[in-house]
Amino acid sequence: MERILQTMIEVMGWLLFAIWVVVSGMPTVWMLGRSLKRQSDRLPDPAMWPRVSVVVPARDEGHKIEAGLKSLLASDYPDFEIIAIDDRSRDETGPIMDRLAGKRLLDIHITDLPEGWLGKNHALQVGAQQSTGEWLLFSDGDVVHDPQTLRRAVRFAVAHGVDHLPLFPDIEAGGILEAAFVACFGLIFAAGTQPYLIPTRWPRAYCGVGAYNLVRRSALERAGGFEPIKLDILDDVKLGKMLKRSGARCCILRAGDGLSIRWQSGAWACVTGLEKNAFASANFSVVQLLWICGMTTIVFCGPVVGAIVAGDARPGFVAAAVLSHFLYGLNAWLFGHSFWLFPMLMPSGLAFVFAFLRSGWITLRQGGVRWRDTFYPLEVLRRGLFR
């Protein structure tokens, strides 16, 4: 009996190792060579550069919007327009857009939110309807763009016949704890999306990035615009799902230093920043939320715990612990931080679990989600999920 128990524990250790190899190792290795600069600069320019409309919705982003819009205006792309949308802002966002408006930049001010829409989703729809480009780039107001990023992205998309190209940016961080949380986000992002499968026709492999979603207009129109996801909080991810389902060809690359964003200011702000999205990623299901949190805890903490307490059955746990920390450090490096953050794997993983549980608790307690001073009832959000 003791031997059987030891064998079972050994198997658990090697199972955790296998999970890390498949779920995180394979996408991480694939992403190593998938930087925008490396993939695009080897390609020829298109015979004619298509017109691109950059849609930038913002609400109360007065402290960041100017830098983001100026970085877009500095783009070296030959033919583009910027549709900047002030979505009911109460700060200086609108006046800043007015000041920057000109030949390249059209600003739109939304004063009322139609019933049955989330604010950002409605702003994206308005921007798409007002645009004239063959391609549409949806980006957030706090993203800073390198002048060559749009040219590189379009070159890659045209050369490979891609309809949807999200780019994952470098995420700036102001301290070790914030950087550790951001690195964990990159690791979970890679594991959750399995990016090497996104270019395939497998319908469950999809992705979207709010910082940068480049979409062919014909593919967006074929999918129905933003109408199918008008009440889905995960607008960026569900855009990818909607496009993939409608037959769009998709891919994803790392932007590297071609895009940068400061997601949140401080580690606690990162935790609270998931308040809106975390429970939504579990489809507002308590069962799914508990499953996600339970598996995350086991996968992130199990290797180290097993290596300490499993005795002679520890080799698999030790291998899993070494691999998991290496992959965590590698993801930190891939997305603009230091590999030497690797000891922060367990604390950052548990912080993510806490953020998800906190999101579920707050959403259930208040009966919905409060987003930018607008309250959306839970039953409405559940009905509006794009599945």
Protein backbone atom coordinates (compact mmCIF):
# COMPACT_ATOMS: atom_id res chain seq x y z
CA MET A 1 0.00 0.00 0.00
CA GLU A 2 2.83 2.39 0.88
CA ARG A 3 4.52 1.63 -2.42
CA ILE A 4 1.30 2.34 -4.34
CA LEU A 5 0.91 5.67 -2.52
CA GLN A 6 4.49 6.63 -3.32
CA THR A 7 3.98 5.73 -6.98
CA MET A 8 0.85 7.88 -7.11
CA ILE A 9 2.75 10.82 -5.61
CA GLU A 10 5.56 10.33 -8.14
CA VAL A 11 3.03 10.33 -10.96
CA MET A 12 1.50 13.56 -9.63
CA GLY A 13 4.91 15.23 -9.71
CA TRP A 14 5.62 14.21 -13.29
CA LEU A 15 2.06 15.16 -14.27
CA LEU A 16 2.70 18.69 -13.00
CA PHE A 17 5.94 18.72 -14.99
CA ALA A 18 4.05 17.63 -18.12
CA ILE A 19 1.43 20.34 -17.57
CA TRP A 20 4.14 22.99 -17.42
CA VAL A 21 5.80 21.61 -20.57
CA VAL A 22 2.61 21.55 -22.63
CA VAL A 23 0.53 24.38 -21.24
CA SER A 24 3.27 26.96 -20.70
CA GLY A 25 6.49 25.66 -22.22
CA MET A 26 5.26 25.18 -25.77
CA PRO A 27 3.62 28.63 -26.14
CA THR A 28 6.59 30.33 -24.46
CA VAL A 29 9.10 28.73 -26.82
CA TRP A 30 6.88 29.63 -29.79
CA MET A 31 6.67 33.26 -28.68
CA LEU A 32 10.46 33.55 -28.41
CA GLY A 33 10.84 34.03 -32.14
CA ARG A 34 7.57 35.82 -32.74
CA SER A 35 8.54 39.46 -32.30
CA LEU A 36 6.97 41.90 -34.74
CA LYS A 37 10.30 43.39 -35.79
CA ARG A 38 11.89 40.02 -36.50
CA GLN A 39 8.88 38.66 -38.37
CA SER A 40 8.10 41.78 -40.39
CA ASP A 41 11.45 43.29 -41.36
CA ARG A 42 12.36 40.28 -43.49
CA LEU A 43 9.24 40.74 -45.65
CA PRO A 44 8.79 42.89 -48.78
CA ASP A 45 6.55 45.94 -48.68
CA PRO A 46 3.08 45.51 -50.24
CA ALA A 47 2.63 46.83 -53.76
CA MET A 48 0.26 49.46 -52.32
CA TRP A 49 -0.11 50.32 -48.66
CA PRO A 50 -3.79 50.00 -47.65
CA ARG A 51 -5.44 52.84 -45.77
CA VAL A 52 -5.64 52.22 -42.01
CA SER A 53 -8.10 53.79 -39.57
CA VAL A 54 -6.85 53.83 -35.98
CA VAL A 55 -9.77 53.87 -33.52
CA VAL A 56 -8.87 55.07 -30.02
CA PRO A 57 -11.70 55.19 -27.46
CA ALA A 58 -10.99 56.90 -24.15
CA ARG A 59 -12.85 57.98 -21.05
CA ASP A 60 -11.19 60.10 -18.37
CA GLU A 61 -7.72 59.41 -19.80
CA GLY A 62 -6.58 63.02 -19.67
CA HIS A 63 -3.33 62.11 -17.93
CA LYS A 64 -2.29 59.64 -20.67
CA ILE A 65 -4.21 60.30 -23.87
CA GLU A 66 -1.97 63.04 -25.24
CA ALA A 67 1.18 60.89 -25.23
CA GLY A 68 -0.69 58.02 -26.87
CA LEU A 69 -2.22 60.12 -29.64
CA LYS A 70 1.02 61.99 -30.33
CA SER A 71 2.86 58.69 -30.71
CA LEU A 72 0.27 57.61 -33.29
CA LEU A 73 0.51 60.93 -35.14
CA ALA A 74 4.27 60.37 -35.39
CA SER A 75 3.76 57.08 -37.26
CA ASP A 76 5.71 56.67 -40.50
CA TYR A 77 2.83 54.76 -42.12
CA PRO A 78 1.96 56.28 -45.52
CA ASP A 79 -1.85 56.39 -45.34
CA PHE A 80 -3.73 56.45 -42.05
CA GLU A 81 -6.32 58.35 -40.05
CA ILE A 82 -6.99 58.44 -36.32
CA ILE A 83 -10.54 58.36 -34.95
CA ALA A 84 -10.23 59.53 -31.34
CA ILE A 85 -13.42 59.01 -29.34
CA ASP A 86 -14.17 60.88 -26.14
CA ASP A 87 -16.62 58.55 -24.38
CA ARG A 88 -18.44 60.79 -21.89
CA SER A 89 -15.25 62.00 -20.20
CA ARG A 90 -15.39 64.43 -17.30
CA ASP A 91 -11.73 65.41 -17.33
CA GLU A 92 -9.45 66.96 -19.98
CA THR A 93 -9.69 64.05 -22.41
CA GLY A 94 -12.11 65.85 -24.75
CA PRO A 95 -10.24 69.19 -24.85
CA ILE A 96 -6.94 67.38 -25.48
CA MET A 97 -8.47 65.55 -28.43
CA ASP A 98 -9.88 68.85 -29.73
CA ARG A 99 -6.44 70.43 -29.56
CA LEU A 100 -4.79 67.57 -31.44
CA ALA A 101 -7.52 67.27 -34.08
CA GLY A 102 -6.48 68.00 -37.63
CA LYS A 103 -5.83 66.42 -41.01
CA ARG A 104 -4.83 63.06 -39.54
CA LEU A 105 -7.04 63.05 -36.44
CA LEU A 106 -10.80 63.22 -36.21
CA ASP A 107 -12.24 63.51 -32.70
CA ILE A 108 -15.75 62.38 -31.80
CA HIS A 109 -17.52 63.20 -28.54
CA ILE A 110 -20.09 60.73 -27.22
CA THR A 111 -22.45 62.23 -24.66
CA ASP A 112 -25.00 59.43 -24.18
CA LEU A 113 -24.71 55.65 -23.92
CA PRO A 114 -27.44 53.74 -25.77
CA GLU A 115 -29.25 51.09 -23.77
CA GLY A 116 -27.92 47.59 -24.30
CA TRP A 117 -24.29 48.59 -24.86
CA LEU A 118 -21.15 48.75 -22.76
CA GLY A 119 -19.45 52.10 -23.05
CA LYS A 120 -16.18 51.03 -24.68
CA ASN A 121 -17.88 48.57 -27.02
CA HIS A 122 -20.23 51.29 -28.21
CA ALA A 123 -17.32 53.69 -28.72
CA LEU A 124 -15.49 51.07 -30.79
CA GLN A 125 -18.60 50.58 -32.93
CA VAL A 126 -18.97 54.33 -33.47
CA GLY A 127 -15.32 54.62 -34.44
CA ALA A 128 -15.55 51.73 -36.89
CA GLN A 129 -18.64 53.25 -38.51
CA GLN A 130 -16.94 56.64 -38.93
CA SER A 131 -13.71 55.21 -40.33
CA THR A 132 -12.69 54.97 -44.00
CA GLY A 133 -9.78 52.54 -43.92
CA GLU A 134 -9.49 49.12 -45.51
CA TRP A 135 -7.92 48.09 -42.20
CA LEU A 136 -8.93 49.09 -38.68
CA LEU A 137 -6.62 49.29 -35.70
CA PHE A 138 -8.34 49.33 -32.30
CA SER A 139 -6.04 50.60 -29.57
CA ASP A 140 -6.35 52.00 -26.06
CA GLY A 141 -5.67 55.61 -25.22
CA ASP A 142 -2.81 54.89 -22.84
CA VAL A 143 -0.70 52.93 -25.35
CA VAL A 144 2.49 54.51 -26.70
CA HIS A 145 3.34 53.41 -30.26
CA ASP A 146 6.74 53.34 -31.95
CA PRO A 147 6.61 55.19 -35.30
CA GLN A 148 7.38 51.97 -37.24
CA THR A 149 4.93 49.65 -35.49
CA LEU A 150 1.93 50.22 -37.75
CA ARG A 151 4.01 49.82 -40.92
CA ARG A 152 5.49 46.56 -39.62
CA ALA A 153 2.12 45.20 -38.52
CA VAL A 154 0.42 45.91 -41.85
CA ARG A 155 3.38 44.52 -43.80
CA PHE A 156 3.16 41.24 -41.85
CA ALA A 157 -0.64 41.00 -42.10
CA VAL A 158 -0.73 41.66 -45.85
CA ALA A 159 2.17 39.32 -46.63
CA HIS A 160 0.64 36.44 -44.67
CA GLY A 161 -2.99 37.05 -45.64
CA VAL A 162 -3.96 37.64 -42.00
CA ASP A 163 -7.32 39.22 -41.17
CA HIS A 164 -6.71 39.82 -37.46
CA LEU A 165 -3.34 40.60 -35.87
CA PRO A 166 -3.23 41.43 -32.17
CA LEU A 167 0.11 42.57 -30.72
CA PHE A 168 1.14 42.02 -27.12
CA PRO A 169 2.92 45.12 -25.77
CA ASP A 170 5.72 45.59 -23.31
CA ILE A 171 4.02 46.38 -20.00
CA GLU A 172 5.92 48.86 -17.88
CA ALA A 173 6.06 48.45 -14.12
CA GLY A 174 7.15 50.73 -11.32
CA GLY A 175 8.45 48.19 -8.78
CA ILE A 176 9.28 44.55 -8.13
CA LEU A 177 5.81 43.54 -6.94
CA GLU A 178 4.09 45.23 -9.87
CA ALA A 179 6.59 43.71 -12.31
CA ALA A 180 6.07 40.26 -10.77
CA PHE A 181 2.31 40.54 -11.22
CA VAL A 182 2.72 41.70 -14.82
CA ALA A 183 5.11 38.81 -15.53
CA CYS A 184 2.55 36.39 -14.12
CA PHE A 185 -0.05 37.94 -16.39
CA GLY A 186 2.19 37.24 -19.39
CA LEU A 187 2.66 33.63 -18.30
CA ILE A 188 -1.08 33.05 -17.80
CA PHE A 189 -1.85 34.86 -21.05
CA ALA A 190 0.43 32.53 -23.01
CA ALA A 191 -0.97 29.46 -21.26
CA GLY A 192 -4.57 30.55 -21.72
CA THR A 193 -4.35 31.49 -25.41
CA GLN A 194 -1.87 28.86 -26.70
CA PRO A 195 -0.66 31.35 -29.34
CA TYR A 196 0.95 28.78 -31.63
CA LEU A 197 -2.55 27.41 -32.32
CA ILE A 198 -4.09 30.78 -33.19
CA PRO A 199 -2.90 30.74 -36.85
CA THR A 200 -4.59 27.34 -37.29
CA ARG A 201 -8.27 26.85 -38.11
CA TRP A 202 -9.03 25.42 -34.67
CA PRO A 203 -11.98 27.58 -33.52
CA ARG A 204 -11.08 27.44 -29.82
CA ALA A 205 -7.69 29.04 -30.42
CA TYR A 206 -8.27 32.79 -30.52
CA CYS A 207 -7.04 35.94 -28.88
CA GLY A 208 -7.45 39.68 -28.75
CA VAL A 209 -5.37 42.42 -27.13
CA GLY A 210 -6.99 45.70 -26.15
CA ALA A 211 -3.74 47.57 -26.72
CA TYR A 212 -3.53 46.52 -30.37
CA ASN A 213 -6.12 44.73 -32.51
CA LEU A 214 -5.43 45.16 -36.23
CA VAL A 215 -8.43 43.95 -38.24
CA ARG A 216 -9.29 43.79 -41.93
CA ARG A 217 -12.55 45.73 -42.42
CA SER A 218 -14.14 43.03 -44.55
CA ALA A 219 -13.52 40.46 -41.79
CA LEU A 220 -15.07 42.72 -39.15
CA GLU A 221 -18.12 43.38 -41.30
CA ARG A 222 -18.52 39.68 -42.03
CA ALA A 223 -18.51 39.03 -38.27
CA GLY A 224 -21.20 41.67 -37.65
CA GLY A 225 -19.12 44.52 -36.24
CA PHE A 226 -19.27 44.98 -32.48
CA GLU A 227 -22.99 44.26 -32.27
CA PRO A 228 -22.50 40.56 -31.26
CA ILE A 229 -20.24 41.57 -28.34
CA LYS A 230 -21.94 44.80 -27.35
CA LEU A 231 -22.52 43.60 -23.77
CA ASP A 232 -19.39 41.48 -23.33
CA ILE A 233 -16.84 42.92 -20.91
CA LEU A 234 -13.98 41.00 -22.55
CA ASP A 235 -14.35 43.04 -25.74
CA ASP A 236 -10.78 42.53 -26.95
CA VAL A 237 -10.66 38.76 -26.42
CA LYS A 238 -14.19 38.22 -27.70
CA LEU A 239 -13.37 40.23 -30.82
CA GLY A 240 -10.78 37.57 -31.56
CA LYS A 241 -13.28 34.80 -30.86
CA MET A 242 -15.93 36.41 -33.04
CA LEU A 243 -13.52 36.91 -35.94
CA LYS A 244 -12.14 33.38 -35.72
CA ARG A 245 -15.64 31.92 -35.67
CA SER A 246 -16.59 33.87 -38.79
CA GLY A 247 -13.65 32.43 -40.72
CA ALA A 248 -10.99 35.13 -40.27
CA ARG A 249 -7.32 34.18 -40.46
CA CYS A 250 -5.65 35.18 -37.22
CA CYS A 251 -2.17 35.42 -35.77
CA ILE A 252 -0.47 37.07 -32.78
CA LEU A 253 2.97 38.60 -32.28
CA ARG A 254 4.95 40.30 -29.55
CA ALA A 255 5.33 44.01 -30.21
CA GLY A 256 8.40 44.26 -27.98
CA ASP A 257 9.43 47.88 -27.64
CA GLY A 258 7.13 48.75 -30.55
CA LEU A 259 4.30 49.21 -28.02
CA SER A 260 4.44 50.15 -24.38
CA ILE A 261 1.82 50.63 -21.72
CA ARG A 262 1.70 51.13 -17.97
CA TRP A 263 -1.23 48.86 -17.15
CA GLN A 264 -1.65 49.94 -13.54
CA SER A 265 0.33 52.04 -11.08
CA GLY A 266 1.37 49.67 -8.28
CA ALA A 267 0.84 46.03 -7.35
CA TRP A 268 -2.44 46.62 -5.51
CA ALA A 269 -3.76 48.58 -8.48
CA CYS A 270 -3.02 45.51 -10.63
CA VAL A 271 -5.17 43.40 -8.30
CA THR A 272 -8.04 45.88 -8.31
CA GLY A 273 -7.58 46.38 -12.05
CA LEU A 274 -8.85 42.83 -12.60
CA GLU A 275 -12.06 43.55 -10.69
CA LYS A 276 -14.04 44.09 -13.88
CA ASN A 277 -12.54 41.36 -16.08
CA ALA A 278 -11.59 38.40 -13.88
CA PHE A 279 -15.06 37.05 -13.08
CA ALA A 280 -16.10 37.82 -16.66
CA SER A 281 -13.31 35.54 -17.91
CA ALA A 282 -15.04 32.74 -15.96
CA ASN A 283 -18.31 33.59 -17.76
CA PHE A 284 -19.71 34.88 -14.44
CA SER A 285 -19.88 31.26 -13.26
CA VAL A 286 -18.93 30.50 -9.66
CA VAL A 287 -18.06 26.91 -10.61
CA GLN A 288 -15.73 28.05 -13.39
CA LEU A 289 -14.18 30.66 -11.13
CA LEU A 290 -13.43 28.12 -8.39
CA TRP A 291 -12.06 25.67 -10.97
CA ILE A 292 -9.71 28.33 -12.39
CA CYS A 293 -8.53 29.39 -8.95
CA GLY A 294 -8.09 25.83 -7.72
CA MET A 295 -6.10 24.68 -10.74
CA THR A 296 -3.97 27.83 -10.72
CA THR A 297 -3.09 27.26 -7.06
CA ILE A 298 -2.20 23.60 -7.66
CA VAL A 299 -0.12 24.27 -10.78
CA PHE A 300 1.72 27.27 -9.34
CA CYS A 301 2.30 25.96 -5.81
CA GLY A 302 2.21 22.18 -6.23
CA PRO A 303 5.75 21.77 -7.60
CA VAL A 304 7.45 23.57 -4.72
CA VAL A 305 5.23 22.04 -2.04
CA GLY A 306 5.77 18.57 -3.47
CA ALA A 307 9.53 19.07 -3.73
CA ILE A 308 9.59 19.89 -0.02
CA VAL A 309 7.26 17.21 1.39
CA ALA A 310 7.25 14.31 -1.10
CA GLY A 311 10.40 12.62 0.18
CA ASP A 312 11.72 9.95 -2.19
CA ALA A 313 8.87 10.70 -4.60
CA ARG A 314 10.06 14.27 -5.20
CA PRO A 315 11.99 14.09 -8.54
CA GLY A 316 8.97 15.01 -10.67
CA PHE A 317 8.07 17.86 -8.34
CA VAL A 318 11.65 19.17 -8.39
CA ALA A 319 11.69 19.07 -12.19
CA ALA A 320 8.34 20.87 -12.32
CA ALA A 321 9.54 23.50 -9.82
CA VAL A 322 12.70 24.23 -11.82
CA LEU A 323 10.82 24.36 -15.12
CA SER A 324 7.98 26.52 -13.83
CA HIS A 325 10.31 29.11 -12.33
CA PHE A 326 12.44 29.13 -15.49
CA LEU A 327 9.38 29.69 -17.70
CA TYR A 328 8.11 32.42 -15.40
CA GLY A 329 11.45 34.23 -15.61
CA LEU A 330 11.55 33.75 -19.37
CA ASN A 331 8.07 35.25 -19.76
CA ALA A 332 9.11 38.18 -17.59
CA TRP A 333 12.04 38.78 -19.96
CA LEU A 334 9.90 38.30 -23.08
CA PHE A 335 7.52 41.05 -22.01
CA GLY A 336 10.08 43.64 -20.99
CA HIS A 337 11.12 42.73 -17.44
CA SER A 338 13.96 40.88 -15.72
CA PHE A 339 14.44 37.11 -15.81
CA TRP A 340 15.56 37.38 -12.19
CA LEU A 341 11.97 37.86 -11.11
CA PHE A 342 11.64 34.05 -11.22
CA PRO A 343 11.50 33.59 -7.39
CA MET A 344 8.22 35.56 -7.44
CA LEU A 345 6.30 32.80 -9.25
CA MET A 346 4.29 31.51 -6.29
CA PRO A 347 3.50 34.89 -4.70
CA SER A 348 2.37 36.38 -8.01
CA GLY A 349 0.29 33.29 -8.83
CA LEU A 350 -1.47 33.47 -5.47
CA ALA A 351 -2.01 37.20 -6.02
CA PHE A 352 -3.80 36.34 -9.29
CA VAL A 353 -5.97 33.81 -7.48
CA PHE A 354 -6.84 36.44 -4.89
CA ALA A 355 -7.65 38.97 -7.64
CA PHE A 356 -10.01 36.50 -9.33
CA LEU A 357 -11.77 35.57 -6.09
CA ARG A 358 -12.04 39.24 -5.17
CA SER A 359 -13.57 40.02 -8.57
CA GLY A 360 -16.15 37.26 -8.17
CA TRP A 361 -17.03 38.29 -4.62
CA ILE A 362 -17.46 41.98 -5.44
CA THR A 363 -19.48 41.29 -8.60
CA LEU A 364 -21.81 38.90 -6.79
CA ARG A 365 -22.14 41.15 -3.74
CA GLN A 366 -23.14 44.24 -5.73
CA GLY A 367 -25.10 42.28 -8.33
CA GLY A 368 -23.12 43.48 -11.31
CA VAL A 369 -20.10 45.41 -12.53
CA ARG A 370 -19.39 49.10 -12.09
CA TRP A 371 -17.22 50.29 -14.96
CA ARG A 372 -16.26 53.92 -15.38
CA ASP A 373 -19.18 55.14 -13.26
CA THR A 374 -21.76 53.06 -15.14
CA PHE A 375 -23.38 50.07 -13.43
CA TYR A 376 -24.18 46.94 -15.47
CA PRO A 377 -26.45 44.37 -13.73
CA LEU A 378 -25.12 40.82 -13.56
CA GLU A 379 -28.14 39.26 -15.24
CA VAL A 380 -27.70 41.65 -18.21
CA LEU A 381 -24.01 40.80 -18.51
CA ARG A 382 -24.71 37.07 -18.37
CA ARG A 383 -27.28 37.38 -21.14
CA GLY A 384 -24.86 39.44 -23.20
CA LEU A 385 -21.95 36.99 -23.10
CA PHE A 386 -20.66 36.04 -26.53
CA ARG A 387 -20.28 32.26 -26.42
